Amino acid sequence: MSIFIDSANLEHIKTAMELGWVKGVTTNPLLLAQSDQEPSTLFTTLRSLTSGPIFYQVTANTFETCIAEAHQALDLLEKQLVIKLPPTDLGFKLCSELSSRMPCCPTAIYSTSQALIARESGAQYLAVYVNRATRLMGDGLKLVEDIAEVLNGSQTKLLAASLKSPDEAILAFSAGADDLTLPYSTLVKMTNHPFSDEAIKQFQDEGRGLNQA
């Protein structure tokens, strides 16, 4: 199981990597559009911040141009690249073509049939937008559960994305997600609880340790 940060904000990514338990970075075209750096510059910097997976989503719209874009990303990120693909006829064709050369992740999966085709296309990951599925379809966690069943016994990992709270992240994991990718706002809340803060304050105020005379 791995936790990634879903961001193209370099400061947020640096902070996340310093935590020690964030294992990689997922991006998408909208996040990259919000960044103040060119994608090629950003990805070069990310390689110095993490040794884990870095997810890049193709934006071209033909088979040949997508192949070229995927290899451009591979030149930048090498073994760290996971290439994100649309869950369409074109995207699954690309997945079948590229999955032997680089890890592939069909993204924005909203049905078990898409998940099954991703599995059969050789995908190493597939991304489910949990919170968005709940808003659009009623129950994103049930979708995670159903897709986990489809992927059972395969090499395809279920990556839960669009997670807006620590509770939603934990429920997605409990429903069968293999990995989680969290926006910075959710990520920084994962280790916090007010009762923990109260207990630690009491230890500090009333306790004693080796660093005290």
C-alpha atoms as a PDB file:
ATOM      1  CA  MET A   1       0.000   0.000   0.000  1.00  0.00           C
ATOM      2  CA  SER A   2       1.284   3.467  -0.888  1.00  0.00           C
ATOM      3  CA  ILE A   3       0.079   7.001  -0.248  1.00  0.00           C
ATOM      4  CA  PHE A   4       0.804   9.619  -2.920  1.00  0.00           C
ATOM      5  CA  ILE A   5       0.252  13.357  -3.024  1.00  0.00           C
ATOM      6  CA  ASP A   6      -2.044  14.576  -5.799  1.00  0.00           C
ATOM      7  CA  SER A   7      -0.513  17.918  -6.673  1.00  0.00           C
ATOM      8  CA  ALA A   8       1.657  19.969  -9.003  1.00  0.00           C
ATOM      9  CA  ASN A   9       2.387  22.579  -6.327  1.00  0.00           C
ATOM     10  CA  LEU A  10       6.107  22.279  -5.712  1.00  0.00           C
ATOM     11  CA  GLU A  11       6.030  23.630  -2.163  1.00  0.00           C
ATOM     12  CA  HIS A  12       3.249  21.260  -1.184  1.00  0.00           C
ATOM     13  CA  ILE A  13       5.104  18.344  -2.743  1.00  0.00           C
ATOM     14  CA  LYS A  14       8.340  19.243  -0.936  1.00  0.00           C
ATOM     15  CA  THR A  15       6.486  19.388   2.392  1.00  0.00           C
ATOM     16  CA  ALA A  16       4.797  16.060   1.686  1.00  0.00           C
ATOM     17  CA  MET A  17       8.044  14.323   0.828  1.00  0.00           C
ATOM     18  CA  GLU A  18       9.612  15.554   4.059  1.00  0.00           C
ATOM     19  CA  LEU A  19       6.933  13.659   6.012  1.00  0.00           C
ATOM     20  CA  GLY A  20       8.650  10.376   5.172  1.00  0.00           C
ATOM     21  CA  TRP A  21       5.522   8.321   4.420  1.00  0.00           C
ATOM     22  CA  VAL A  22       4.416   9.845   1.115  1.00  0.00           C
ATOM     23  CA  LYS A  23       5.737   7.577  -1.632  1.00  0.00           C
ATOM     24  CA  GLY A  24       5.169   9.446  -4.882  1.00  0.00           C
ATOM     25  CA  VAL A  25       3.288  12.125  -6.816  1.00  0.00           C
ATOM     26  CA  THR A  26       0.211  12.027  -9.024  1.00  0.00           C
ATOM     27  CA  THR A  27      -0.574  14.856 -11.418  1.00  0.00           C
ATOM     28  CA  ASN A  28      -3.180  15.627 -14.042  1.00  0.00           C
ATOM     29  CA  PRO A  29      -3.508  18.280 -16.758  1.00  0.00           C
ATOM     30  CA  LEU A  30      -5.616  20.591 -14.578  1.00  0.00           C
ATOM     31  CA  LEU A  31      -3.080  20.501 -11.743  1.00  0.00           C
ATOM     32  CA  LEU A  32      -0.255  21.148 -14.200  1.00  0.00           C
ATOM     33  CA  ALA A  33      -2.168  24.120 -15.625  1.00  0.00           C
ATOM     34  CA  GLN A  34      -2.275  25.624 -12.122  1.00  0.00           C
ATOM     35  CA  SER A  35       1.477  25.269 -11.615  1.00  0.00           C
ATOM     36  CA  ASP A  36       3.800  28.217 -12.091  1.00  0.00           C
ATOM     37  CA  GLN A  37       6.391  25.938 -13.729  1.00  0.00           C
ATOM     38  CA  GLU A  38       6.555  24.336 -17.136  1.00  0.00           C
ATOM     39  CA  PRO A  39       5.744  20.605 -16.885  1.00  0.00           C
ATOM     40  CA  SER A  40       9.206  19.525 -18.059  1.00  0.00           C
ATOM     41  CA  THR A  41      10.881  21.710 -15.422  1.00  0.00           C
ATOM     42  CA  LEU A  42       8.499  20.549 -12.715  1.00  0.00           C
ATOM     43  CA  PHE A  43       9.043  16.862 -13.451  1.00  0.00           C
ATOM     44  CA  THR A  44      12.806  17.270 -13.491  1.00  0.00           C
ATOM     45  CA  THR A  45      12.562  18.822 -10.024  1.00  0.00           C
ATOM     46  CA  LEU A  46      10.218  16.101  -8.787  1.00  0.00           C
ATOM     47  CA  ARG A  47      12.803  13.464  -9.607  1.00  0.00           C
ATOM     48  CA  SER A  48      15.112  15.109  -7.082  1.00  0.00           C
ATOM     49  CA  LEU A  49      12.397  15.034  -4.401  1.00  0.00           C
ATOM     50  CA  THR A  50      11.175  11.454  -4.633  1.00  0.00           C
ATOM     51  CA  SER A  51      12.422   8.103  -5.828  1.00  0.00           C
ATOM     52  CA  GLY A  52       8.846   6.852  -6.068  1.00  0.00           C
ATOM     53  CA  PRO A  53       6.305   6.836  -8.888  1.00  0.00           C
ATOM     54  CA  ILE A  54       5.427  10.071 -10.682  1.00  0.00           C
ATOM     55  CA  PHE A  55       2.144   9.982 -12.613  1.00  0.00           C
ATOM     56  CA  TYR A  56       1.753  11.949 -15.846  1.00  0.00           C
ATOM     57  CA  GLN A  57      -1.448  12.078 -17.934  1.00  0.00           C
ATOM     58  CA  VAL A  58      -1.310  12.293 -21.721  1.00  0.00           C
ATOM     59  CA  THR A  59      -3.175  15.184 -23.338  1.00  0.00           C
ATOM     60  CA  ALA A  60      -2.806  14.302 -27.023  1.00  0.00           C
ATOM     61  CA  ASN A  61      -5.835  12.867 -28.808  1.00  0.00           C
ATOM     62  CA  THR A  62      -4.567  10.484 -31.483  1.00  0.00           C
ATOM     63  CA  PHE A  63      -2.839   7.145 -31.104  1.00  0.00           C
ATOM     64  CA  GLU A  64       0.424   8.289 -32.670  1.00  0.00           C
ATOM     65  CA  THR A  65       0.641  11.589 -30.792  1.00  0.00           C
ATOM     66  CA  CYS A  66      -0.208   9.912 -27.485  1.00  0.00           C
ATOM     67  CA  ILE A  67       2.551   7.356 -28.049  1.00  0.00           C
ATOM     68  CA  ALA A  68       4.997  10.172 -28.757  1.00  0.00           C
ATOM     69  CA  GLU A  69       3.875  12.094 -25.655  1.00  0.00           C
ATOM     70  CA  ALA A  70       4.189   9.003 -23.461  1.00  0.00           C
ATOM     71  CA  HIS A  71       7.753   8.458 -24.646  1.00  0.00           C
ATOM     72  CA  GLN A  72       8.526  12.135 -24.093  1.00  0.00           C
ATOM     73  CA  ALA A  73       7.391  11.663 -20.488  1.00  0.00           C
ATOM     74  CA  LEU A  74       9.453   8.477 -20.261  1.00  0.00           C
ATOM     75  CA  ASP A  75      12.556  10.383 -21.369  1.00  0.00           C
ATOM     76  CA  LEU A  76      11.961  12.837 -18.514  1.00  0.00           C
ATOM     77  CA  LEU A  77      10.946  10.480 -15.728  1.00  0.00           C
ATOM     78  CA  GLU A  78      12.488   7.157 -16.784  1.00  0.00           C
ATOM     79  CA  LYS A  79      11.600   4.292 -14.417  1.00  0.00           C
ATOM     80  CA  GLN A  80       9.580   6.580 -12.152  1.00  0.00           C
ATOM     81  CA  LEU A  81       6.943   7.261 -14.793  1.00  0.00           C
ATOM     82  CA  VAL A  82       3.387   5.992 -14.548  1.00  0.00           C
ATOM     83  CA  ILE A  83       1.479   7.119 -17.629  1.00  0.00           C
ATOM     84  CA  LYS A  84      -2.162   8.034 -17.065  1.00  0.00           C
ATOM     85  CA  LEU A  85      -4.593   7.328 -19.901  1.00  0.00           C
ATOM     86  CA  PRO A  86      -8.261   8.088 -20.573  1.00  0.00           C
ATOM     87  CA  PRO A  87     -10.709   5.173 -20.115  1.00  0.00           C
ATOM     88  CA  THR A  88     -11.802   5.244 -23.769  1.00  0.00           C
ATOM     89  CA  ASP A  89     -11.293   3.031 -26.796  1.00  0.00           C
ATOM     90  CA  LEU A  90      -8.174   5.048 -27.573  1.00  0.00           C
ATOM     91  CA  GLY A  91      -6.937   4.944 -23.986  1.00  0.00           C
ATOM     92  CA  PHE A  92      -7.336   1.187 -23.593  1.00  0.00           C
ATOM     93  CA  LYS A  93      -5.654   0.634 -26.974  1.00  0.00           C
ATOM     94  CA  LEU A  94      -2.770   2.761 -25.735  1.00  0.00           C
ATOM     95  CA  CYS A  95      -2.689   0.787 -22.490  1.00  0.00           C
ATOM     96  CA  SER A  96      -2.390  -2.480 -24.411  1.00  0.00           C
ATOM     97  CA  GLU A  97       0.419  -0.998 -26.499  1.00  0.00           C
ATOM     98  CA  LEU A  98       2.392   0.732 -23.738  1.00  0.00           C
ATOM     99  CA  SER A  99       1.933  -1.434 -20.648  1.00  0.00           C
ATOM    100  CA  SER A 100       4.855  -3.704 -21.525  1.00  0.00           C
ATOM    101  CA  ARG A 101       7.141  -0.648 -21.741  1.00  0.00           C
ATOM    102  CA  MET A 102       5.909   1.573 -18.900  1.00  0.00           C
ATOM    103  CA  PRO A 103       3.360   1.305 -16.075  1.00  0.00           C
ATOM    104  CA  CYS A 104      -0.056   2.493 -17.256  1.00  0.00           C
ATOM    105  CA  CYS A 105      -2.967   3.917 -15.262  1.00  0.00           C
ATOM    106  CA  PRO A 106      -6.356   4.418 -16.897  1.00  0.00           C
ATOM    107  CA  THR A 107      -7.858   7.305 -14.948  1.00  0.00           C
ATOM    108  CA  ALA A 108     -11.350   8.625 -14.216  1.00  0.00           C
ATOM    109  CA  ILE A 109     -12.766   5.100 -14.011  1.00  0.00           C
ATOM    110  CA  TYR A 110     -16.475   5.135 -13.174  1.00  0.00           C
ATOM    111  CA  SER A 111     -17.646   1.586 -13.917  1.00  0.00           C
ATOM    112  CA  THR A 112     -16.712  -2.021 -13.296  1.00  0.00           C
ATOM    113  CA  SER A 113     -16.742  -2.677 -17.044  1.00  0.00           C
ATOM    114  CA  GLN A 114     -14.047  -0.020 -17.538  1.00  0.00           C
ATOM    115  CA  ALA A 115     -12.087  -1.622 -14.696  1.00  0.00           C
ATOM    116  CA  LEU A 116     -12.293  -5.032 -16.338  1.00  0.00           C
ATOM    117  CA  ILE A 117     -11.009  -3.667 -19.661  1.00  0.00           C
ATOM    118  CA  ALA A 118      -8.203  -1.833 -17.848  1.00  0.00           C
ATOM    119  CA  ARG A 119      -7.215  -5.124 -16.229  1.00  0.00           C
ATOM    120  CA  GLU A 120      -7.295  -6.965 -19.558  1.00  0.00           C
ATOM    121  CA  SER A 121      -5.308  -4.169 -21.228  1.00  0.00           C
ATOM    122  CA  GLY A 122      -2.406  -4.738 -18.849  1.00  0.00           C
ATOM    123  CA  ALA A 123      -2.849  -1.691 -16.630  1.00  0.00           C
ATOM    124  CA  GLN A 124      -0.639  -1.619 -13.555  1.00  0.00           C
ATOM    125  CA  TYR A 125      -2.985   0.884 -11.879  1.00  0.00           C
ATOM    126  CA  LEU A 126      -6.429   2.337 -12.415  1.00  0.00           C
ATOM    127  CA  ALA A 127      -7.688   5.503 -10.760  1.00  0.00           C
ATOM    128  CA  VAL A 128     -11.179   5.878  -9.296  1.00  0.00           C
ATOM    129  CA  TYR A 129     -12.483   9.345  -8.391  1.00  0.00           C
ATOM    130  CA  VAL A 130     -14.211   8.425  -5.147  1.00  0.00           C
ATOM    131  CA  ASN A 131     -15.675  11.705  -3.949  1.00  0.00           C
ATOM    132  CA  ARG A 132     -16.685  12.742  -7.443  1.00  0.00           C
ATOM    133  CA  ALA A 133     -18.342   9.358  -8.020  1.00  0.00           C
ATOM    134  CA  THR A 134     -20.326   9.856  -4.826  1.00  0.00           C
ATOM    135  CA  ARG A 135     -21.479  13.280  -5.962  1.00  0.00           C
ATOM    136  CA  LEU A 136     -22.377  12.139  -9.476  1.00  0.00           C
ATOM    137  CA  MET A 137     -23.537   8.567  -8.884  1.00  0.00           C
ATOM    138  CA  GLY A 138     -24.453   8.325  -5.219  1.00  0.00           C
ATOM    139  CA  ASP A 139     -21.863   5.951  -3.719  1.00  0.00           C
ATOM    140  CA  GLY A 140     -18.200   6.176  -4.661  1.00  0.00           C
ATOM    141  CA  LEU A 141     -17.181   3.747  -1.941  1.00  0.00           C
ATOM    142  CA  LYS A 142     -19.458   1.048  -3.346  1.00  0.00           C
ATOM    143  CA  LEU A 143     -17.801   1.627  -6.719  1.00  0.00           C
ATOM    144  CA  VAL A 144     -14.400   1.051  -5.084  1.00  0.00           C
ATOM    145  CA  GLU A 145     -15.692  -2.145  -3.485  1.00  0.00           C
ATOM    146  CA  ASP A 146     -17.104  -3.454  -6.773  1.00  0.00           C
ATOM    147  CA  ILE A 147     -13.964  -2.611  -8.748  1.00  0.00           C
ATOM    148  CA  ALA A 148     -11.761  -4.228  -6.101  1.00  0.00           C
ATOM    149  CA  GLU A 149     -13.703  -7.431  -6.666  1.00  0.00           C
ATOM    150  CA  VAL A 150     -13.159  -7.185 -10.435  1.00  0.00           C
ATOM    151  CA  LEU A 151      -9.421  -6.704  -9.911  1.00  0.00           C
ATOM    152  CA  ASN A 152      -9.062  -9.510  -7.364  1.00  0.00           C
ATOM    153  CA  GLY A 153      -6.237 -11.833  -8.362  1.00  0.00           C
ATOM    154  CA  SER A 154      -4.878  -9.472 -11.011  1.00  0.00           C
ATOM    155  CA  GLN A 155      -1.749  -7.323 -11.132  1.00  0.00           C
ATOM    156  CA  THR A 156      -3.788  -4.117 -11.497  1.00  0.00           C
ATOM    157  CA  LYS A 157      -3.837  -1.872  -8.425  1.00  0.00           C
ATOM    158  CA  LEU A 158      -6.832   0.244  -7.499  1.00  0.00           C
ATOM    159  CA  LEU A 159      -5.721   3.824  -6.857  1.00  0.00           C
ATOM    160  CA  ALA A 160      -8.363   5.823  -4.983  1.00  0.00           C
ATOM    161  CA  ALA A 161      -8.336   9.517  -5.878  1.00  0.00           C
ATOM    162  CA  SER A 162     -10.642  12.487  -5.251  1.00  0.00           C
ATOM    163  CA  LEU A 163     -10.545  11.981  -1.483  1.00  0.00           C
ATOM    164  CA  LYS A 164     -11.642  15.036   0.455  1.00  0.00           C
ATOM    165  CA  SER A 165     -11.130  13.965   4.068  1.00  0.00           C
ATOM    166  CA  PRO A 166      -9.121  11.480   6.154  1.00  0.00           C
ATOM    167  CA  ASP A 167     -12.343   9.565   6.885  1.00  0.00           C
ATOM    168  CA  GLU A 168     -13.068   9.199   3.171  1.00  0.00           C
ATOM    169  CA  ALA A 169      -9.499   8.065   2.552  1.00  0.00           C
ATOM    170  CA  ILE A 170      -9.723   5.368   5.226  1.00  0.00           C
ATOM    171  CA  LEU A 171     -13.119   4.216   3.983  1.00  0.00           C
ATOM    172  CA  ALA A 172     -11.746   3.922   0.447  1.00  0.00           C
ATOM    173  CA  PHE A 173      -8.865   1.809   1.712  1.00  0.00           C
ATOM    174  CA  SER A 174     -11.267  -0.352   3.726  1.00  0.00           C
ATOM    175  CA  ALA A 175     -13.451  -0.762   0.620  1.00  0.00           C
ATOM    176  CA  GLY A 176     -10.549  -2.289  -1.275  1.00  0.00           C
ATOM    177  CA  ALA A 177      -8.265   0.446  -2.612  1.00  0.00           C
ATOM    178  CA  ASP A 178      -4.638  -0.662  -2.900  1.00  0.00           C
ATOM    179  CA  ASP A 179      -3.190   2.858  -2.933  1.00  0.00           C
ATOM    180  CA  LEU A 180      -4.419   6.354  -2.115  1.00  0.00           C
ATOM    181  CA  THR A 181      -3.583   9.701  -3.667  1.00  0.00           C
ATOM    182  CA  LEU A 182      -4.500  12.692  -1.542  1.00  0.00           C
ATOM    183  CA  PRO A 183      -4.660  16.423  -2.184  1.00  0.00           C
ATOM    184  CA  TYR A 184      -2.448  18.444   0.117  1.00  0.00           C
ATOM    185  CA  SER A 185      -5.425  19.649   2.162  1.00  0.00           C
ATOM    186  CA  THR A 186      -6.353  16.056   3.019  1.00  0.00           C
ATOM    187  CA  LEU A 187      -2.796  14.842   3.377  1.00  0.00           C
ATOM    188  CA  VAL A 188      -1.898  17.275   6.155  1.00  0.00           C
ATOM    189  CA  LYS A 189      -4.947  16.216   8.188  1.00  0.00           C
ATOM    190  CA  MET A 190      -4.150  12.503   8.147  1.00  0.00           C
ATOM    191  CA  THR A 191      -1.973  12.509  11.273  1.00  0.00           C
ATOM    192  CA  ASN A 192      -4.030  14.923  13.354  1.00  0.00           C
ATOM    193  CA  HIS A 193      -6.707  14.370  15.978  1.00  0.00           C
ATOM    194  CA  PRO A 194      -7.730  16.755  18.780  1.00  0.00           C
ATOM    195  CA  PHE A 195      -7.666  14.013  21.417  1.00  0.00           C
ATOM    196  CA  SER A 196      -4.090  13.174  20.411  1.00  0.00           C
ATOM    197  CA  ASP A 197      -3.184  16.852  20.792  1.00  0.00           C
ATOM    198  CA  GLU A 198      -4.686  16.861  24.301  1.00  0.00           C
ATOM    199  CA  ALA A 199      -2.769  13.753  25.328  1.00  0.00           C
ATOM    200  CA  ILE A 200       0.556  15.063  23.992  1.00  0.00           C
ATOM    201  CA  LYS A 201       0.047  18.412  25.734  1.00  0.00           C
ATOM    202  CA  GLN A 202      -0.505  16.601  29.026  1.00  0.00           C
ATOM    203  CA  PHE A 203       2.679  14.541  28.510  1.00  0.00           C
ATOM    204  CA  GLN A 204       4.639  17.710  27.787  1.00  0.00           C
ATOM    205  CA  ASP A 205       3.173  19.719  30.641  1.00  0.00           C
ATOM    206  CA  GLU A 206       3.222  17.053  33.345  1.00  0.00           C
ATOM    207  CA  GLY A 207       5.650  14.376  32.158  1.00  0.00           C
ATOM    208  CA  ARG A 208       9.378  13.837  32.365  1.00  0.00           C
ATOM    209  CA  GLY A 209      11.952  12.450  29.923  1.00  0.00           C
ATOM    210  CA  LEU A 210      15.666  12.054  29.202  1.00  0.00           C
ATOM    211  CA  ASN A 211      15.959  15.570  27.808  1.00  0.00           C
ATOM    212  CA  GLN A 212      14.953  17.084  31.143  1.00  0.00           C
ATOM    213  CA  ALA A 213      17.238  17.685  34.087  1.00  0.00           C
END
